[in-house]
Amino acid sequence: MNYFASKPATEMGFKDILYEKKGMVARITINRPESYNCYSTETLRELIAAFTDASFDDQVGVIVYTGAGDKAFCTGGDVKEYASVYTKRPHDYWKYMGLFSGYIESILKSGKVTIARINGIAVGGGNESQMACDLAVMADDTYLGQVGTSVGSVACGGATQWLSIHVGDRRAREMLFLNQKIPAKQALEWGLVNRVVPRDQLDAAVEDLAQQCLNKFPECTRYTKQQVNYWKDASWYGTVGHARDWLSTHFTCVEPYEGMQAFVEKRKIDFRGLREKAASGGSSEFLWGPYMHTCPKCNAKGIPSEFQFCGACGARLG
């Protein structure tokens, strides 16, 4: 019995992604163009399943990864989901990060050459996703970037680990600290992608790379990928567990709350306000200060220090 027999892509029943297998090439597409192809929790589950299926299918030699439409390759995690779910249940973000790690690792450990078809912006986890791929072809009218320090997070889902491998230490720090857009020409010069082509030539360029890869020995290709992944694996597995725990703990703080609420509400973030609050002796980690007050009337404890009234009984504090 062949436990790993090829099966039609249509049997997978995906909702958030498109999956196709044809001519020894599997194509995986995040199909959420209305939200710039960000991935939700369920999207990650589907991506893991698709990359795993393509990895085990002997009728697949190359995996092409892209986003639907022409505006975005992928813009990382669904910030609206973060704001509505994970800032309210930070311990569940640890579980989410387990899924995200599994997703990245399904690309790294696929045993097949993975080609990122960058048809639009690739920012945050989207840039980390394209870096997890082996090769990348980018349309000339788009850009890459990281956004962690602008939205209340840390780009430790591949960027803090791998950017210095791709572009060197100084440029990595520039991308991570400043969160500037890296246009296609610069991305090519810095080594973030392999090819930059006019948009109407994107598919032809991807197909050309795919066919070149298919005209090589599969076992040798798989082990070459394993070997060349050494530095990526070392930096990833040496840090991702720590990152997973830190991020889930950090989700209890004001930075992700403020960053993600501002994104949802489409307003500017008062970055300086948090710094000034800390500099003046206040607490910049809590939305309304540390849990210090006890109500003199009802004896409720753990009331934030900036509250003037008890949230339980309404009595004035202090």
C-alpha atoms as a PDB file:
ATOM      1  CA  MET A   1       0.000   0.000   0.000  1.00  0.00           C
ATOM      2  CA  ASN A   2       1.222   3.481  -0.879  1.00  0.00           C
ATOM      3  CA  TYR A   3       0.441   5.610   2.149  1.00  0.00           C
ATOM      4  CA  PHE A   4       1.671   8.725   0.305  1.00  0.00           C
ATOM      5  CA  ALA A   5      -0.092   8.299  -3.022  1.00  0.00           C
ATOM      6  CA  SER A   6      -0.822  11.487  -4.925  1.00  0.00           C
ATOM      7  CA  LYS A   7      -4.365  12.828  -4.561  1.00  0.00           C
ATOM      8  CA  PRO A   8      -6.161  15.593  -6.445  1.00  0.00           C
ATOM      9  CA  ALA A   9      -5.754  19.075  -5.009  1.00  0.00           C
ATOM     10  CA  THR A  10      -9.513  19.546  -5.255  1.00  0.00           C
ATOM     11  CA  GLU A  11     -10.028  16.950  -2.514  1.00  0.00           C
ATOM     12  CA  MET A  12      -8.455  19.204   0.113  1.00  0.00           C
ATOM     13  CA  GLY A  13     -11.543  21.412   0.462  1.00  0.00           C
ATOM     14  CA  PHE A  14      -9.722  24.642   1.278  1.00  0.00           C
ATOM     15  CA  LYS A  15     -11.570  27.920   1.872  1.00  0.00           C
ATOM     16  CA  ASP A  16      -8.829  30.516   2.417  1.00  0.00           C
ATOM     17  CA  ILE A  17      -6.333  29.256  -0.144  1.00  0.00           C
ATOM     18  CA  LEU A  18      -6.279  28.005  -3.715  1.00  0.00           C
ATOM     19  CA  TYR A  19      -4.356  24.802  -4.414  1.00  0.00           C
ATOM     20  CA  GLU A  20      -3.443  23.397  -7.795  1.00  0.00           C
ATOM     21  CA  LYS A  21      -1.134  20.641  -9.008  1.00  0.00           C
ATOM     22  CA  LYS A  22      -0.230  20.522 -12.679  1.00  0.00           C
ATOM     23  CA  GLY A  23       2.822  19.542 -14.678  1.00  0.00           C
ATOM     24  CA  MET A  24       4.842  18.590 -11.559  1.00  0.00           C
ATOM     25  CA  VAL A  25       4.291  22.089 -10.115  1.00  0.00           C
ATOM     26  CA  ALA A  26       2.075  22.745  -7.095  1.00  0.00           C
ATOM     27  CA  ARG A  27       0.669  26.247  -6.773  1.00  0.00           C
ATOM     28  CA  ILE A  28      -0.446  27.508  -3.379  1.00  0.00           C
ATOM     29  CA  THR A  29      -2.248  30.852  -3.312  1.00  0.00           C
ATOM     30  CA  ILE A  30      -3.526  32.783  -0.305  1.00  0.00           C
ATOM     31  CA  ASN A  31      -6.988  33.744  -1.510  1.00  0.00           C
ATOM     32  CA  ARG A  32      -7.875  36.675   0.730  1.00  0.00           C
ATOM     33  CA  PRO A  33      -7.327  39.655  -1.589  1.00  0.00           C
ATOM     34  CA  GLU A  34      -9.961  41.717   0.228  1.00  0.00           C
ATOM     35  CA  SER A  35      -7.641  41.758   3.258  1.00  0.00           C
ATOM     36  CA  TYR A  36      -4.373  41.994   1.292  1.00  0.00           C
ATOM     37  CA  ASN A  37      -3.799  38.246   1.649  1.00  0.00           C
ATOM     38  CA  CYS A  38      -3.124  38.339   5.359  1.00  0.00           C
ATOM     39  CA  TYR A  39      -3.381  34.945   7.012  1.00  0.00           C
ATOM     40  CA  SER A  40      -5.819  34.095   9.788  1.00  0.00           C
ATOM     41  CA  THR A  41      -5.552  31.169  12.175  1.00  0.00           C
ATOM     42  CA  GLU A  42      -7.561  28.995   9.792  1.00  0.00           C
ATOM     43  CA  THR A  43      -5.473  30.127   6.817  1.00  0.00           C
ATOM     44  CA  LEU A  44      -2.353  28.853   8.577  1.00  0.00           C
ATOM     45  CA  ARG A  45      -3.985  25.453   9.095  1.00  0.00           C
ATOM     46  CA  GLU A  46      -4.774  25.245   5.381  1.00  0.00           C
ATOM     47  CA  LEU A  47      -1.297  26.392   4.328  1.00  0.00           C
ATOM     48  CA  ILE A  48       0.337  23.732   6.503  1.00  0.00           C
ATOM     49  CA  ALA A  49      -1.895  21.074   4.952  1.00  0.00           C
ATOM     50  CA  ALA A  50      -1.146  22.244   1.405  1.00  0.00           C
ATOM     51  CA  PHE A  51       2.625  22.466   1.827  1.00  0.00           C
ATOM     52  CA  THR A  52       2.644  19.069   3.561  1.00  0.00           C
ATOM     53  CA  ASP A  53       0.615  17.487   0.772  1.00  0.00           C
ATOM     54  CA  ALA A  54       2.903  18.965  -1.890  1.00  0.00           C
ATOM     55  CA  SER A  55       5.943  17.827   0.064  1.00  0.00           C
ATOM     56  CA  PHE A  56       4.782  14.201   0.135  1.00  0.00           C
ATOM     57  CA  ASP A  57       3.476  14.057  -3.445  1.00  0.00           C
ATOM     58  CA  ASP A  58       5.992  12.492  -5.852  1.00  0.00           C
ATOM     59  CA  GLN A  59       4.113  14.084  -8.730  1.00  0.00           C
ATOM     60  CA  VAL A  60       5.192  17.500  -7.415  1.00  0.00           C
ATOM     61  CA  GLY A  61       8.741  18.721  -7.938  1.00  0.00           C
ATOM     62  CA  VAL A  62       8.380  22.473  -7.362  1.00  0.00           C
ATOM     63  CA  ILE A  63       6.037  24.547  -5.191  1.00  0.00           C
ATOM     64  CA  VAL A  64       5.041  28.051  -6.284  1.00  0.00           C
ATOM     65  CA  TYR A  65       3.652  30.243  -3.498  1.00  0.00           C
ATOM     66  CA  THR A  66       1.760  33.480  -4.139  1.00  0.00           C
ATOM     67  CA  GLY A  67      -1.209  35.664  -3.249  1.00  0.00           C
ATOM     68  CA  ALA A  68      -4.456  36.306  -5.097  1.00  0.00           C
ATOM     69  CA  GLY A  69      -4.921  39.501  -7.084  1.00  0.00           C
ATOM     70  CA  ASP A  70      -2.247  42.048  -7.899  1.00  0.00           C
ATOM     71  CA  LYS A  71      -2.011  44.159  -4.732  1.00  0.00           C
ATOM     72  CA  ALA A  72      -0.464  41.811  -2.186  1.00  0.00           C
ATOM     73  CA  PHE A  73       1.627  38.668  -1.971  1.00  0.00           C
ATOM     74  CA  CYS A  74       0.981  38.492   1.765  1.00  0.00           C
ATOM     75  CA  THR A  75       0.787  41.101   4.536  1.00  0.00           C
ATOM     76  CA  GLY A  76       1.361  38.766   7.465  1.00  0.00           C
ATOM     77  CA  GLY A  77      -1.069  37.989  10.252  1.00  0.00           C
ATOM     78  CA  ASP A  78      -4.655  39.211  10.343  1.00  0.00           C
ATOM     79  CA  VAL A  79      -4.371  42.260  12.612  1.00  0.00           C
ATOM     80  CA  LYS A  80      -8.148  42.449  13.034  1.00  0.00           C
ATOM     81  CA  GLU A  81      -8.076  38.887  14.358  1.00  0.00           C
ATOM     82  CA  TYR A  82      -5.182  39.763  16.662  1.00  0.00           C
ATOM     83  CA  ALA A  83      -7.118  42.754  18.036  1.00  0.00           C
ATOM     84  CA  SER A  84     -10.409  40.916  18.491  1.00  0.00           C
ATOM     85  CA  VAL A  85      -9.066  37.576  19.738  1.00  0.00           C
ATOM     86  CA  TYR A  86      -5.459  37.439  20.865  1.00  0.00           C
ATOM     87  CA  THR A  87      -5.168  40.727  22.759  1.00  0.00           C
ATOM     88  CA  LYS A  88      -8.098  39.388  24.808  1.00  0.00           C
ATOM     89  CA  ARG A  89      -6.662  35.868  25.184  1.00  0.00           C
ATOM     90  CA  PRO A  90      -2.867  36.270  25.136  1.00  0.00           C
ATOM     91  CA  HIS A  91      -2.258  32.678  26.248  1.00  0.00           C
ATOM     92  CA  ASP A  92      -3.953  31.554  23.025  1.00  0.00           C
ATOM     93  CA  TYR A  93      -1.384  33.530  21.045  1.00  0.00           C
ATOM     94  CA  TRP A  94       1.160  30.945  22.218  1.00  0.00           C
ATOM     95  CA  LYS A  95      -0.980  28.315  20.463  1.00  0.00           C
ATOM     96  CA  TYR A  96      -1.282  30.526  17.388  1.00  0.00           C
ATOM     97  CA  MET A  97       2.505  30.900  17.275  1.00  0.00           C
ATOM     98  CA  GLY A  98       2.747  27.130  17.325  1.00  0.00           C
ATOM     99  CA  LEU A  99       0.636  27.064  14.165  1.00  0.00           C
ATOM    100  CA  PHE A 100       2.691  29.844  12.597  1.00  0.00           C
ATOM    101  CA  SER A 101       5.921  27.983  13.358  1.00  0.00           C
ATOM    102  CA  GLY A 102       4.451  24.865  11.782  1.00  0.00           C
ATOM    103  CA  TYR A 103       3.558  26.876   8.701  1.00  0.00           C
ATOM    104  CA  ILE A 104       7.058  28.314   8.260  1.00  0.00           C
ATOM    105  CA  GLU A 105       8.594  24.902   8.893  1.00  0.00           C
ATOM    106  CA  SER A 106       6.290  23.289   6.320  1.00  0.00           C
ATOM    107  CA  ILE A 107       8.000  25.511   3.742  1.00  0.00           C
ATOM    108  CA  LEU A 108      11.515  24.986   5.068  1.00  0.00           C
ATOM    109  CA  LYS A 109      11.130  21.218   5.364  1.00  0.00           C
ATOM    110  CA  SER A 110       9.111  20.585   2.213  1.00  0.00           C
ATOM    111  CA  GLY A 111      11.993  18.845   0.433  1.00  0.00           C
ATOM    112  CA  LYS A 112      10.936  20.609  -2.766  1.00  0.00           C
ATOM    113  CA  VAL A 113      12.162  23.874  -4.253  1.00  0.00           C
ATOM    114  CA  THR A 114       9.737  26.617  -3.199  1.00  0.00           C
ATOM    115  CA  ILE A 115       9.413  29.740  -5.354  1.00  0.00           C
ATOM    116  CA  ALA A 116       7.773  32.889  -4.005  1.00  0.00           C
ATOM    117  CA  ARG A 117       5.829  34.648  -6.762  1.00  0.00           C
ATOM    118  CA  ILE A 118       5.717  38.154  -5.289  1.00  0.00           C
ATOM    119  CA  ASN A 119       2.800  39.714  -7.128  1.00  0.00           C
ATOM    120  CA  GLY A 120       2.255  42.567  -4.644  1.00  0.00           C
ATOM    121  CA  ILE A 121       3.400  43.907  -1.302  1.00  0.00           C
ATOM    122  CA  ALA A 122       5.096  41.430   1.020  1.00  0.00           C
ATOM    123  CA  VAL A 123       5.312  42.980   4.467  1.00  0.00           C
ATOM    124  CA  GLY A 124       5.561  41.658   8.006  1.00  0.00           C
ATOM    125  CA  GLY A 125       4.931  37.929   7.998  1.00  0.00           C
ATOM    126  CA  GLY A 126       4.572  38.181   4.231  1.00  0.00           C
ATOM    127  CA  ASN A 127       8.227  39.109   3.860  1.00  0.00           C
ATOM    128  CA  GLU A 128       9.122  36.377   6.339  1.00  0.00           C
ATOM    129  CA  SER A 129       7.097  33.934   4.240  1.00  0.00           C
ATOM    130  CA  GLN A 130       8.916  34.802   1.035  1.00  0.00           C
ATOM    131  CA  MET A 131      12.256  34.488   2.849  1.00  0.00           C
ATOM    132  CA  ALA A 132      11.247  30.986   3.956  1.00  0.00           C
ATOM    133  CA  CYS A 133      11.031  30.066   0.271  1.00  0.00           C
ATOM    134  CA  ASP A 134      14.113  29.028  -1.673  1.00  0.00           C
ATOM    135  CA  LEU A 135      13.754  31.433  -4.584  1.00  0.00           C
ATOM    136  CA  ALA A 136      11.762  34.599  -5.175  1.00  0.00           C
ATOM    137  CA  VAL A 137      10.585  36.465  -8.263  1.00  0.00           C
ATOM    138  CA  MET A 138       9.148  39.937  -7.708  1.00  0.00           C
ATOM    139  CA  ALA A 139       7.035  42.288  -9.819  1.00  0.00           C
ATOM    140  CA  ASP A 140       8.881  45.539 -10.372  1.00  0.00           C
ATOM    141  CA  ASP A 141       6.053  47.777  -9.103  1.00  0.00           C
ATOM    142  CA  THR A 142       5.805  46.508  -5.537  1.00  0.00           C
ATOM    143  CA  TYR A 143       7.816  46.422  -2.299  1.00  0.00           C
ATOM    144  CA  LEU A 144       8.879  44.435   0.766  1.00  0.00           C
ATOM    145  CA  GLY A 145       9.154  45.480   4.392  1.00  0.00           C
ATOM    146  CA  GLN A 146       8.825  44.731   8.085  1.00  0.00           C
ATOM    147  CA  VAL A 147       6.338  46.434  10.417  1.00  0.00           C
ATOM    148  CA  GLY A 148       6.785  44.881  13.867  1.00  0.00           C
ATOM    149  CA  THR A 149       8.035  47.885  15.818  1.00  0.00           C
ATOM    150  CA  SER A 150       5.272  50.023  14.284  1.00  0.00           C
ATOM    151  CA  VAL A 151       2.361  47.763  15.276  1.00  0.00           C
ATOM    152  CA  GLY A 152       3.343  46.555  18.748  1.00  0.00           C
ATOM    153  CA  SER A 153       5.068  43.307  17.824  1.00  0.00           C
ATOM    154  CA  VAL A 154       8.519  41.913  17.031  1.00  0.00           C
ATOM    155  CA  ALA A 155       9.355  40.425  13.643  1.00  0.00           C
ATOM    156  CA  CYS A 156      10.750  37.202  15.074  1.00  0.00           C
ATOM    157  CA  GLY A 157       8.825  34.908  12.748  1.00  0.00           C
ATOM    158  CA  GLY A 158      11.795  34.786  10.388  1.00  0.00           C
ATOM    159  CA  ALA A 159      12.917  38.393   9.960  1.00  0.00           C
ATOM    160  CA  THR A 160      15.074  38.807  13.073  1.00  0.00           C
ATOM    161  CA  GLN A 161      16.529  35.386  12.300  1.00  0.00           C
ATOM    162  CA  TRP A 162      17.097  35.609   8.541  1.00  0.00           C
ATOM    163  CA  LEU A 163      17.344  39.200   7.365  1.00  0.00           C
ATOM    164  CA  SER A 164      21.010  39.449   8.302  1.00  0.00           C
ATOM    165  CA  ILE A 165      21.651  36.279   6.263  1.00  0.00           C
ATOM    166  CA  HIS A 166      20.002  37.874   3.229  1.00  0.00           C
ATOM    167  CA  VAL A 167      21.103  41.501   3.462  1.00  0.00           C
ATOM    168  CA  GLY A 168      23.764  41.789   6.179  1.00  0.00           C
ATOM    169  CA  ASP A 169      23.568  43.044   9.735  1.00  0.00           C
ATOM    170  CA  ARG A 170      23.302  46.806   9.160  1.00  0.00           C
ATOM    171  CA  ARG A 171      20.630  46.577   6.504  1.00  0.00           C
ATOM    172  CA  ALA A 172      18.703  44.034   8.587  1.00  0.00           C
ATOM    173  CA  ARG A 173      18.658  46.428  11.530  1.00  0.00           C
ATOM    174  CA  GLU A 174      17.524  49.257   9.250  1.00  0.00           C
ATOM    175  CA  MET A 175      14.569  47.214   8.024  1.00  0.00           C
ATOM    176  CA  LEU A 176      13.636  45.980  11.489  1.00  0.00           C
ATOM    177  CA  PHE A 177      14.013  49.274  13.371  1.00  0.00           C
ATOM    178  CA  LEU A 178      12.713  51.732  10.756  1.00  0.00           C
ATOM    179  CA  ASN A 179      10.070  49.634   8.954  1.00  0.00           C
ATOM    180  CA  GLN A 180      10.678  51.393   5.649  1.00  0.00           C
ATOM    181  CA  LYS A 181       9.424  50.145   2.304  1.00  0.00           C
ATOM    182  CA  ILE A 182      12.043  48.307   0.232  1.00  0.00           C
ATOM    183  CA  PRO A 183      11.115  48.743  -3.452  1.00  0.00           C
ATOM    184  CA  ALA A 184      11.728  45.929  -5.913  1.00  0.00           C
ATOM    185  CA  LYS A 185      14.964  47.273  -7.381  1.00  0.00           C
ATOM    186  CA  GLN A 186      16.455  47.714  -3.909  1.00  0.00           C
ATOM    187  CA  ALA A 187      15.208  44.290  -2.828  1.00  0.00           C
ATOM    188  CA  LEU A 188      17.119  42.774  -5.752  1.00  0.00           C
ATOM    189  CA  GLU A 189      20.272  44.776  -5.016  1.00  0.00           C
ATOM    190  CA  TRP A 190      20.145  43.742  -1.353  1.00  0.00           C
ATOM    191  CA  GLY A 191      19.663  40.052  -2.138  1.00  0.00           C
ATOM    192  CA  LEU A 192      16.105  39.699  -0.843  1.00  0.00           C
ATOM    193  CA  VAL A 193      14.876  38.272  -4.172  1.00  0.00           C
ATOM    194  CA  ASN A 194      16.379  36.493  -7.195  1.00  0.00           C
ATOM    195  CA  ARG A 195      14.572  38.237 -10.034  1.00  0.00           C
ATOM    196  CA  VAL A 196      12.653  41.469 -10.573  1.00  0.00           C
ATOM    197  CA  VAL A 197      10.550  41.614 -13.722  1.00  0.00           C
ATOM    198  CA  PRO A 198       7.731  43.704 -15.202  1.00  0.00           C
ATOM    199  CA  ARG A 199       4.376  42.520 -13.883  1.00  0.00           C
ATOM    200  CA  ASP A 200       3.319  41.087 -17.239  1.00  0.00           C
ATOM    201  CA  GLN A 201       6.432  38.887 -17.238  1.00  0.00           C
ATOM    202  CA  LEU A 202       6.046  37.566 -13.687  1.00  0.00           C
ATOM    203  CA  ASP A 203       4.449  34.230 -14.540  1.00  0.00           C
ATOM    204  CA  ALA A 204       6.913  33.541 -17.345  1.00  0.00           C
ATOM    205  CA  ALA A 205       9.868  34.231 -15.030  1.00  0.00           C
ATOM    206  CA  VAL A 206       8.456  31.962 -12.330  1.00  0.00           C
ATOM    207  CA  GLU A 207       7.748  29.219 -14.848  1.00  0.00           C
ATOM    208  CA  ASP A 208      11.283  29.471 -16.207  1.00  0.00           C
ATOM    209  CA  LEU A 209      12.787  28.932 -12.739  1.00  0.00           C
ATOM    210  CA  ALA A 210      10.365  26.089 -12.030  1.00  0.00           C
ATOM    211  CA  GLN A 211      11.288  24.251 -15.228  1.00  0.00           C
ATOM    212  CA  GLN A 212      14.997  24.696 -14.570  1.00  0.00           C
ATOM    213  CA  CYS A 213      14.540  23.154 -11.121  1.00  0.00           C
ATOM    214  CA  LEU A 214      12.537  20.241 -12.530  1.00  0.00           C
ATOM    215  CA  ASN A 215      15.430  19.456 -14.870  1.00  0.00           C
ATOM    216  CA  LYS A 216      17.637  18.456 -11.906  1.00  0.00           C
ATOM    217  CA  PHE A 217      17.839  15.269  -9.839  1.00  0.00           C
ATOM    218  CA  PRO A 218      15.119  15.347  -7.135  1.00  0.00           C
ATOM    219  CA  GLU A 219      17.024  13.523  -4.363  1.00  0.00           C
ATOM    220  CA  CYS A 220      20.092  15.695  -4.858  1.00  0.00           C
ATOM    221  CA  THR A 221      17.909  18.799  -4.878  1.00  0.00           C
ATOM    222  CA  ARG A 222      16.201  17.789  -1.643  1.00  0.00           C
ATOM    223  CA  TYR A 223      19.457  17.216   0.188  1.00  0.00           C
ATOM    224  CA  THR A 224      20.988  20.384  -1.231  1.00  0.00           C
ATOM    225  CA  LYS A 225      18.043  22.268   0.268  1.00  0.00           C
ATOM    226  CA  GLN A 226      18.593  20.536   3.593  1.00  0.00           C
ATOM    227  CA  GLN A 227      22.267  21.494   3.609  1.00  0.00           C
ATOM    228  CA  VAL A 228      21.837  25.094   2.490  1.00  0.00           C
ATOM    229  CA  ASN A 229      19.128  25.536   5.144  1.00  0.00           C
ATOM    230  CA  TYR A 230      21.750  25.081   7.879  1.00  0.00           C
ATOM    231  CA  TRP A 231      22.036  28.734   8.926  1.00  0.00           C
ATOM    232  CA  LYS A 232      18.318  29.331   8.590  1.00  0.00           C
ATOM    233  CA  ASP A 233      17.559  26.267  10.690  1.00  0.00           C
ATOM    234  CA  ALA A 234      20.145  27.159  13.333  1.00  0.00           C
ATOM    235  CA  SER A 235      18.859  30.688  13.813  1.00  0.00           C
ATOM    236  CA  TRP A 236      15.202  29.634  13.590  1.00  0.00           C
ATOM    237  CA  TYR A 237      15.201  26.722  16.012  1.00  0.00           C
ATOM    238  CA  GLY A 238      17.535  28.558  18.366  1.00  0.00           C
ATOM    239  CA  THR A 239      15.116  31.455  18.792  1.00  0.00           C
ATOM    240  CA  VAL A 240      11.536  30.626  17.795  1.00  0.00           C
ATOM    241  CA  GLY A 241      10.597  28.910  21.076  1.00  0.00           C
ATOM    242  CA  HIS A 242      11.729  31.939  23.054  1.00  0.00           C
ATOM    243  CA  ALA A 243       9.950  34.235  20.587  1.00  0.00           C
ATOM    244  CA  ARG A 244       6.744  32.249  20.926  1.00  0.00           C
ATOM    245  CA  ASP A 245       6.718  32.608  24.701  1.00  0.00           C
ATOM    246  CA  TRP A 246       7.764  36.261  24.714  1.00  0.00           C
ATOM    247  CA  LEU A 247       5.178  37.323  22.148  1.00  0.00           C
ATOM    248  CA  SER A 248       2.339  35.576  23.977  1.00  0.00           C
ATOM    249  CA  THR A 249       3.398  37.248  27.234  1.00  0.00           C
ATOM    250  CA  HIS A 250       3.821  40.622  25.501  1.00  0.00           C
ATOM    251  CA  PHE A 251       0.250  40.429  24.218  1.00  0.00           C
ATOM    252  CA  THR A 252      -0.856  41.296  27.778  1.00  0.00           C
ATOM    253  CA  CYS A 253       0.830  44.720  27.438  1.00  0.00           C
ATOM    254  CA  VAL A 254      -0.372  48.011  26.029  1.00  0.00           C
ATOM    255  CA  GLU A 255       1.903  48.071  22.956  1.00  0.00           C
ATOM    256  CA  PRO A 256       0.108  45.366  20.921  1.00  0.00           C
ATOM    257  CA  TYR A 257      -3.266  46.629  22.145  1.00  0.00           C
ATOM    258  CA  GLU A 258      -2.531  50.196  21.046  1.00  0.00           C
ATOM    259  CA  GLY A 259      -0.817  49.215  17.803  1.00  0.00           C
ATOM    260  CA  MET A 260      -3.545  46.861  16.670  1.00  0.00           C
ATOM    261  CA  GLN A 261      -6.486  48.980  17.814  1.00  0.00           C
ATOM    262  CA  ALA A 262      -4.990  51.926  15.946  1.00  0.00           C
ATOM    263  CA  PHE A 263      -4.756  49.764  12.826  1.00  0.00           C
ATOM    264  CA  VAL A 264      -8.379  48.671  13.140  1.00  0.00           C
ATOM    265  CA  GLU A 265      -9.558  52.222  13.922  1.00  0.00           C
ATOM    266  CA  LYS A 266      -7.350  53.684  11.155  1.00  0.00           C
ATOM    267  CA  ARG A 267      -5.730  56.258  13.432  1.00  0.00           C
ATOM    268  CA  LYS A 268      -2.205  57.318  14.270  1.00  0.00           C
ATOM    269  CA  ILE A 269      -0.310  55.785  17.181  1.00  0.00           C
ATOM    270  CA  ASP A 270       1.091  58.002  19.923  1.00  0.00           C
ATOM    271  CA  PHE A 271       4.523  56.348  20.095  1.00  0.00           C
ATOM    272  CA  ARG A 272       6.081  59.300  21.940  1.00  0.00           C
ATOM    273  CA  GLY A 273       3.313  59.282  24.535  1.00  0.00           C
ATOM    274  CA  LEU A 274       4.343  55.845  25.792  1.00  0.00           C
ATOM    275  CA  ARG A 275       7.981  56.910  25.975  1.00  0.00           C
ATOM    276  CA  GLU A 276       7.129  60.138  27.789  1.00  0.00           C
ATOM    277  CA  LYS A 277       4.936  58.248  30.233  1.00  0.00           C
ATOM    278  CA  ALA A 278       7.801  55.935  31.152  1.00  0.00           C
ATOM    279  CA  ALA A 279      10.282  58.841  31.330  1.00  0.00           C
ATOM    280  CA  SER A 280       8.037  60.685  33.797  1.00  0.00           C
ATOM    281  CA  GLY A 281       7.863  57.706  36.128  1.00  0.00           C
ATOM    282  CA  GLY A 282       4.588  56.263  34.876  1.00  0.00           C
ATOM    283  CA  SER A 283       3.881  52.773  33.611  1.00  0.00           C
ATOM    284  CA  SER A 284       4.044  52.309  29.858  1.00  0.00           C
ATOM    285  CA  GLU A 285       3.261  48.583  30.084  1.00  0.00           C
ATOM    286  CA  PHE A 286      -0.376  48.877  31.230  1.00  0.00           C
ATOM    287  CA  LEU A 287      -3.284  50.624  29.511  1.00  0.00           C
ATOM    288  CA  TRP A 288      -4.485  52.217  32.768  1.00  0.00           C
ATOM    289  CA  GLY A 289      -1.482  51.656  35.024  1.00  0.00           C
ATOM    290  CA  PRO A 290      -0.470  48.692  37.215  1.00  0.00           C
ATOM    291  CA  TYR A 291      -3.032  46.858  39.336  1.00  0.00           C
ATOM    292  CA  MET A 292      -2.491  48.691  42.620  1.00  0.00           C
ATOM    293  CA  HIS A 293      -5.743  49.993  44.152  1.00  0.00           C
ATOM    294  CA  THR A 294      -8.037  48.317  46.633  1.00  0.00           C
ATOM    295  CA  CYS A 295     -11.548  49.714  46.908  1.00  0.00           C
ATOM    296  CA  PRO A 296     -12.212  51.101  50.432  1.00  0.00           C
ATOM    297  CA  LYS A 297     -15.930  50.302  50.095  1.00  0.00           C
ATOM    298  CA  CYS A 298     -16.218  46.824  48.507  1.00  0.00           C
ATOM    299  CA  ASN A 299     -12.611  45.692  49.002  1.00  0.00           C
ATOM    300  CA  ALA A 300     -12.144  44.883  45.294  1.00  0.00           C
ATOM    301  CA  LYS A 301      -8.428  44.427  44.601  1.00  0.00           C
ATOM    302  CA  GLY A 302      -6.176  44.877  41.590  1.00  0.00           C
ATOM    303  CA  ILE A 303      -7.801  48.078  40.340  1.00  0.00           C
ATOM    304  CA  PRO A 304      -5.561  49.971  37.850  1.00  0.00           C
ATOM    305  CA  SER A 305      -3.634  52.841  39.399  1.00  0.00           C
ATOM    306  CA  GLU A 306      -5.070  55.483  37.057  1.00  0.00           C
ATOM    307  CA  PHE A 307      -8.694  54.673  37.931  1.00  0.00           C
ATOM    308  CA  GLN A 308     -10.441  57.247  40.091  1.00  0.00           C
ATOM    309  CA  PHE A 309     -13.454  55.068  40.785  1.00  0.00           C
ATOM    310  CA  CYS A 310     -13.935  51.395  41.574  1.00  0.00           C
ATOM    311  CA  GLY A 311     -14.998  49.374  38.552  1.00  0.00           C
ATOM    312  CA  ALA A 312     -16.982  46.983  40.764  1.00  0.00           C
ATOM    313  CA  CYS A 313     -19.071  49.289  42.968  1.00  0.00           C
ATOM    314  CA  GLY A 314     -18.366  52.782  41.644  1.00  0.00           C
ATOM    315  CA  ALA A 315     -16.921  54.160  44.871  1.00  0.00           C
ATOM    316  CA  ARG A 316     -14.300  56.893  44.636  1.00  0.00           C
ATOM    317  CA  LEU A 317     -10.752  55.631  45.195  1.00  0.00           C
ATOM    318  CA  GLY A 318      -8.181  57.339  47.399  1.00  0.00           C
END
